[in-house]
Amino acid sequence: MSEPSAPTSSRDDWSPDELAALLNTLADGSLSEREQRRLGHLLQQSKAARQAFREFAALHAGLYYDYATLLTPSLPPPDELSDESAGLARL
């Protein structure tokens, strides 16, 4: 009789809700040292946690970019920027 194999993932010691809470706290900028260690452990041990982290980061970055573009006034086309830069260089 063979011995049961060790689990290849530590999925059993975390839940998607725990990971979501840690990621949201990270995005808020208020992750404690203990929470940082826990998140780091989850990301090291679980491929599923790493995938969820990548998806969260992509979503967060996309939302930030969309919001930032709403707040940023339109820039002139690149050719106008180079004309202005050339004028400044002559000063």
N, C-alpha and C. Protein backbone atom coordinates (compact mmCIF):
# COMPACT_ATOMS: atom_id res chain seq x y z
N MET A 1 0.84 -1.17 0.00
CA MET A 1 0.00 0.00 0.00
C MET A 1 0.89 1.24 0.00
N SER A 2 0.63 2.18 -0.89
CA SER A 2 1.45 3.38 -0.98
C SER A 2 0.91 4.46 -0.05
N GLU A 3 1.83 5.33 0.36
CA GLU A 3 1.43 6.44 1.22
C GLU A 3 0.79 7.53 0.38
N PRO A 4 -0.17 8.25 0.95
CA PRO A 4 -0.77 9.35 0.19
C PRO A 4 0.29 10.41 -0.09
N SER A 5 0.21 10.98 -1.26
CA SER A 5 1.19 12.00 -1.63
C SER A 5 0.85 13.32 -0.93
N ALA A 6 1.87 14.10 -0.72
CA ALA A 6 1.68 15.41 -0.10
C ALA A 6 0.97 16.31 -1.10
N PRO A 7 0.14 17.20 -0.60
CA PRO A 7 -0.54 18.11 -1.53
C PRO A 7 0.47 18.97 -2.27
N THR A 8 0.22 19.22 -3.53
CA THR A 8 1.13 20.03 -4.34
C THR A 8 0.81 21.51 -4.20
N SER A 9 -0.29 21.85 -3.60
CA SER A 9 -0.69 23.24 -3.44
C SER A 9 -1.19 23.44 -2.03
N SER A 10 -0.98 24.63 -1.49
CA SER A 10 -1.50 24.92 -0.17
C SER A 10 -2.86 25.59 -0.27
N ARG A 11 -3.60 25.28 -1.28
CA ARG A 11 -4.93 25.83 -1.53
C ARG A 11 -5.84 25.64 -0.34
N ASP A 12 -5.64 24.53 0.41
CA ASP A 12 -6.51 24.22 1.53
C ASP A 12 -6.40 25.21 2.67
N ASP A 13 -5.30 25.96 2.75
CA ASP A 13 -5.13 26.84 3.90
C ASP A 13 -5.48 28.30 3.60
N TRP A 14 -6.18 28.56 2.51
CA TRP A 14 -6.66 29.90 2.23
C TRP A 14 -7.96 29.83 1.45
N SER A 15 -8.68 30.94 1.46
CA SER A 15 -9.93 30.99 0.72
C SER A 15 -9.89 32.17 -0.24
N PRO A 16 -10.68 32.12 -1.29
CA PRO A 16 -10.75 33.26 -2.20
C PRO A 16 -11.17 34.55 -1.48
N ASP A 17 -12.02 34.43 -0.47
CA ASP A 17 -12.43 35.62 0.28
C ASP A 17 -11.26 36.23 1.04
N GLU A 18 -10.42 35.37 1.63
CA GLU A 18 -9.24 35.88 2.34
C GLU A 18 -8.31 36.59 1.36
N LEU A 19 -8.07 35.97 0.21
CA LEU A 19 -7.18 36.57 -0.78
C LEU A 19 -7.76 37.89 -1.28
N ALA A 20 -9.05 37.94 -1.55
CA ALA A 20 -9.68 39.18 -2.00
C ALA A 20 -9.54 40.28 -0.96
N ALA A 21 -9.72 39.93 0.31
CA ALA A 21 -9.58 40.93 1.38
C ALA A 21 -8.15 41.46 1.43
N LEU A 22 -7.18 40.56 1.31
CA LEU A 22 -5.78 40.99 1.32
C LEU A 22 -5.46 41.88 0.12
N LEU A 23 -5.95 41.51 -1.05
CA LEU A 23 -5.68 42.30 -2.25
C LEU A 23 -6.34 43.67 -2.18
N ASN A 24 -7.55 43.73 -1.66
CA ASN A 24 -8.23 45.02 -1.53
C ASN A 24 -7.52 45.91 -0.52
N THR A 25 -7.03 45.32 0.57
CA THR A 25 -6.28 46.08 1.56
C THR A 25 -4.97 46.57 0.96
N LEU A 26 -4.33 45.74 0.15
CA LEU A 26 -3.11 46.14 -0.55
C LEU A 26 -3.40 47.33 -1.46
N ALA A 27 -4.47 47.26 -2.22
CA ALA A 27 -4.82 48.35 -3.14
C ALA A 27 -5.13 49.64 -2.39
N ASP A 28 -5.68 49.51 -1.19
CA ASP A 28 -5.97 50.68 -0.36
C ASP A 28 -4.70 51.27 0.26
N GLY A 29 -3.61 50.51 0.22
CA GLY A 29 -2.36 50.98 0.78
C GLY A 29 -2.27 50.83 2.29
N SER A 30 -3.07 49.94 2.86
CA SER A 30 -3.08 49.81 4.32
C SER A 30 -2.79 48.39 4.80
N LEU A 31 -2.00 47.66 4.04
CA LEU A 31 -1.65 46.29 4.41
C LEU A 31 -0.66 46.31 5.59
N SER A 32 -0.99 45.59 6.65
CA SER A 32 -0.09 45.51 7.81
C SER A 32 1.08 44.58 7.47
N GLU A 33 2.11 44.58 8.32
CA GLU A 33 3.24 43.68 8.09
C GLU A 33 2.79 42.22 8.12
N ARG A 34 1.91 41.89 9.04
CA ARG A 34 1.40 40.52 9.13
C ARG A 34 0.65 40.14 7.87
N GLU A 35 -0.17 41.07 7.36
CA GLU A 35 -0.92 40.82 6.13
C GLU A 35 0.02 40.71 4.93
N GLN A 36 1.08 41.52 4.91
CA GLN A 36 2.07 41.42 3.83
C GLN A 36 2.71 40.04 3.81
N ARG A 37 3.08 39.56 5.00
CA ARG A 37 3.68 38.23 5.08
C ARG A 37 2.70 37.16 4.62
N ARG A 38 1.45 37.28 5.02
CA ARG A 38 0.44 36.29 4.64
C ARG A 38 0.23 36.31 3.13
N LEU A 39 0.10 37.48 2.55
CA LEU A 39 -0.08 37.58 1.10
C LEU A 39 1.13 37.01 0.37
N GLY A 40 2.31 37.35 0.84
CA GLY A 40 3.52 36.80 0.23
C GLY A 40 3.55 35.28 0.29
N HIS A 41 3.16 34.73 1.42
CA HIS A 41 3.11 33.27 1.58
C HIS A 41 2.12 32.65 0.59
N LEU A 42 0.94 33.24 0.50
CA LEU A 42 -0.07 32.71 -0.42
C LEU A 42 0.43 32.74 -1.86
N LEU A 43 1.07 33.84 -2.24
CA LEU A 43 1.55 33.97 -3.61
C LEU A 43 2.70 33.02 -3.91
N GLN A 44 3.52 32.74 -2.91
CA GLN A 44 4.62 31.79 -3.11
C GLN A 44 4.10 30.37 -3.22
N GLN A 45 3.07 30.04 -2.48
CA GLN A 45 2.63 28.66 -2.36
C GLN A 45 1.55 28.23 -3.35
N SER A 46 0.83 29.18 -3.92
CA SER A 46 -0.34 28.80 -4.71
C SER A 46 -0.35 29.44 -6.10
N LYS A 47 -0.37 28.59 -7.10
CA LYS A 47 -0.48 29.07 -8.48
C LYS A 47 -1.81 29.79 -8.68
N ALA A 48 -2.88 29.27 -8.08
CA ALA A 48 -4.20 29.91 -8.21
C ALA A 48 -4.20 31.30 -7.58
N ALA A 49 -3.51 31.45 -6.45
CA ALA A 49 -3.43 32.77 -5.81
C ALA A 49 -2.65 33.74 -6.69
N ARG A 50 -1.58 33.26 -7.30
CA ARG A 50 -0.79 34.13 -8.21
C ARG A 50 -1.62 34.56 -9.41
N GLN A 51 -2.41 33.65 -9.95
CA GLN A 51 -3.27 33.99 -11.09
C GLN A 51 -4.31 35.02 -10.66
N ALA A 52 -4.91 34.83 -9.50
CA ALA A 52 -5.90 35.79 -9.00
C ALA A 52 -5.25 37.15 -8.77
N PHE A 53 -4.01 37.15 -8.27
CA PHE A 53 -3.28 38.40 -8.06
C PHE A 53 -3.05 39.12 -9.38
N ARG A 54 -2.62 38.39 -10.40
CA ARG A 54 -2.38 39.00 -11.72
C ARG A 54 -3.68 39.60 -12.28
N GLU A 55 -4.78 38.88 -12.15
CA GLU A 55 -6.06 39.39 -12.64
C GLU A 55 -6.48 40.64 -11.87
N PHE A 56 -6.29 40.61 -10.55
CA PHE A 56 -6.64 41.76 -9.72
C PHE A 56 -5.78 42.97 -10.10
N ALA A 57 -4.47 42.74 -10.25
CA ALA A 57 -3.56 43.83 -10.60
C ALA A 57 -3.91 44.43 -11.96
N ALA A 58 -4.24 43.59 -12.92
CA ALA A 58 -4.61 44.09 -14.25
C ALA A 58 -5.89 44.91 -14.18
N LEU A 59 -6.87 44.43 -13.44
CA LEU A 59 -8.13 45.16 -13.29
C LEU A 59 -7.88 46.50 -12.58
N HIS A 60 -7.12 46.46 -11.50
CA HIS A 60 -6.83 47.68 -10.73
C HIS A 60 -6.08 48.69 -11.60
N ALA A 61 -5.09 48.23 -12.34
CA ALA A 61 -4.32 49.12 -13.21
C ALA A 61 -5.20 49.72 -14.30
N GLY A 62 -6.08 48.91 -14.88
CA GLY A 62 -6.98 49.40 -15.90
C GLY A 62 -7.93 50.46 -15.37
N LEU A 63 -8.47 50.22 -14.19
CA LEU A 63 -9.37 51.21 -13.58
C LEU A 63 -8.63 52.50 -13.26
N TYR A 64 -7.41 52.38 -12.74
CA TYR A 64 -6.61 53.55 -12.42
C TYR A 64 -6.31 54.34 -13.70
N TYR A 65 -5.93 53.64 -14.76
CA TYR A 65 -5.62 54.30 -16.03
C TYR A 65 -6.86 55.03 -16.56
N ASP A 66 -8.01 54.35 -16.54
CA ASP A 66 -9.24 54.98 -17.04
C ASP A 66 -9.56 56.24 -16.24
N TYR A 67 -9.42 56.18 -14.92
CA TYR A 67 -9.71 57.32 -14.06
C TYR A 67 -8.70 58.45 -14.33
N ALA A 68 -7.43 58.10 -14.45
CA ALA A 68 -6.39 59.11 -14.67
C ALA A 68 -6.60 59.82 -16.01
N THR A 69 -7.04 59.10 -17.03
CA THR A 69 -7.25 59.74 -18.33
C THR A 69 -8.42 60.71 -18.28
N LEU A 70 -9.39 60.45 -17.40
CA LEU A 70 -10.50 61.39 -17.25
C LEU A 70 -10.05 62.69 -16.59
N LEU A 71 -9.05 62.60 -15.73
CA LEU A 71 -8.59 63.77 -14.99
C LEU A 71 -7.50 64.55 -15.72
N THR A 72 -6.91 63.96 -16.74
CA THR A 72 -5.80 64.58 -17.44
C THR A 72 -6.33 65.36 -18.64
N PRO A 73 -5.97 66.65 -18.73
CA PRO A 73 -6.41 67.40 -19.92
C PRO A 73 -5.76 66.81 -21.17
N SER A 74 -6.44 66.98 -22.26
CA SER A 74 -5.91 66.45 -23.52
C SER A 74 -4.58 67.09 -23.85
N LEU A 75 -3.66 66.27 -24.25
CA LEU A 75 -2.35 66.76 -24.67
C LEU A 75 -2.41 67.08 -26.16
N PRO A 76 -1.60 68.05 -26.59
CA PRO A 76 -1.56 68.31 -28.03
C PRO A 76 -0.94 67.12 -28.75
N PRO A 77 -1.20 67.00 -30.03
CA PRO A 77 -0.60 65.90 -30.80
C PRO A 77 0.91 65.94 -30.68
N PRO A 78 1.58 64.80 -30.83
CA PRO A 78 3.04 64.74 -30.66
C PRO A 78 3.81 65.73 -31.53
N ASP A 79 3.35 66.01 -32.76
CA ASP A 79 4.09 66.95 -33.61
C ASP A 79 4.06 68.36 -33.04
N GLU A 80 2.96 68.75 -32.40
CA GLU A 80 2.89 70.06 -31.77
C GLU A 80 3.81 70.12 -30.56
N LEU A 81 3.91 69.02 -29.84
CA LEU A 81 4.81 68.97 -28.69
C LEU A 81 6.25 69.18 -29.13
N SER A 82 6.66 68.55 -30.23
CA SER A 82 8.04 68.70 -30.68
C SER A 82 8.29 70.12 -31.16
N ASP A 83 7.30 70.79 -31.78
CA ASP A 83 7.45 72.18 -32.21
C ASP A 83 7.66 73.08 -30.99
N GLU A 84 6.88 72.84 -29.93
CA GLU A 84 7.01 73.64 -28.71
C GLU A 84 8.36 73.39 -28.06
N SER A 85 8.80 72.15 -28.05
CA SER A 85 10.10 71.82 -27.46
C SER A 85 11.22 72.49 -28.22
N ALA A 86 11.10 72.55 -29.54
CA ALA A 86 12.13 73.19 -30.36
C ALA A 86 12.18 74.68 -30.03
N GLY A 87 11.02 75.30 -29.85
CA GLY A 87 10.97 76.72 -29.49
C GLY A 87 11.59 76.98 -28.13
N LEU A 88 11.37 76.10 -27.18
CA LEU A 88 11.96 76.25 -25.86
C LEU A 88 13.47 76.09 -25.91
N ALA A 89 13.94 75.22 -26.78
CA ALA A 89 15.38 74.98 -26.88
C ALA A 89 16.09 76.22 -27.41
N ARG A 90 15.39 77.03 -28.21
CA ARG A 90 16.01 78.24 -28.77
C ARG A 90 16.14 79.34 -27.73
N LEU A 91 15.41 79.26 -26.63
CA LEU A 91 15.44 80.33 -25.62
C LEU A 91 16.70 80.36 -24.86
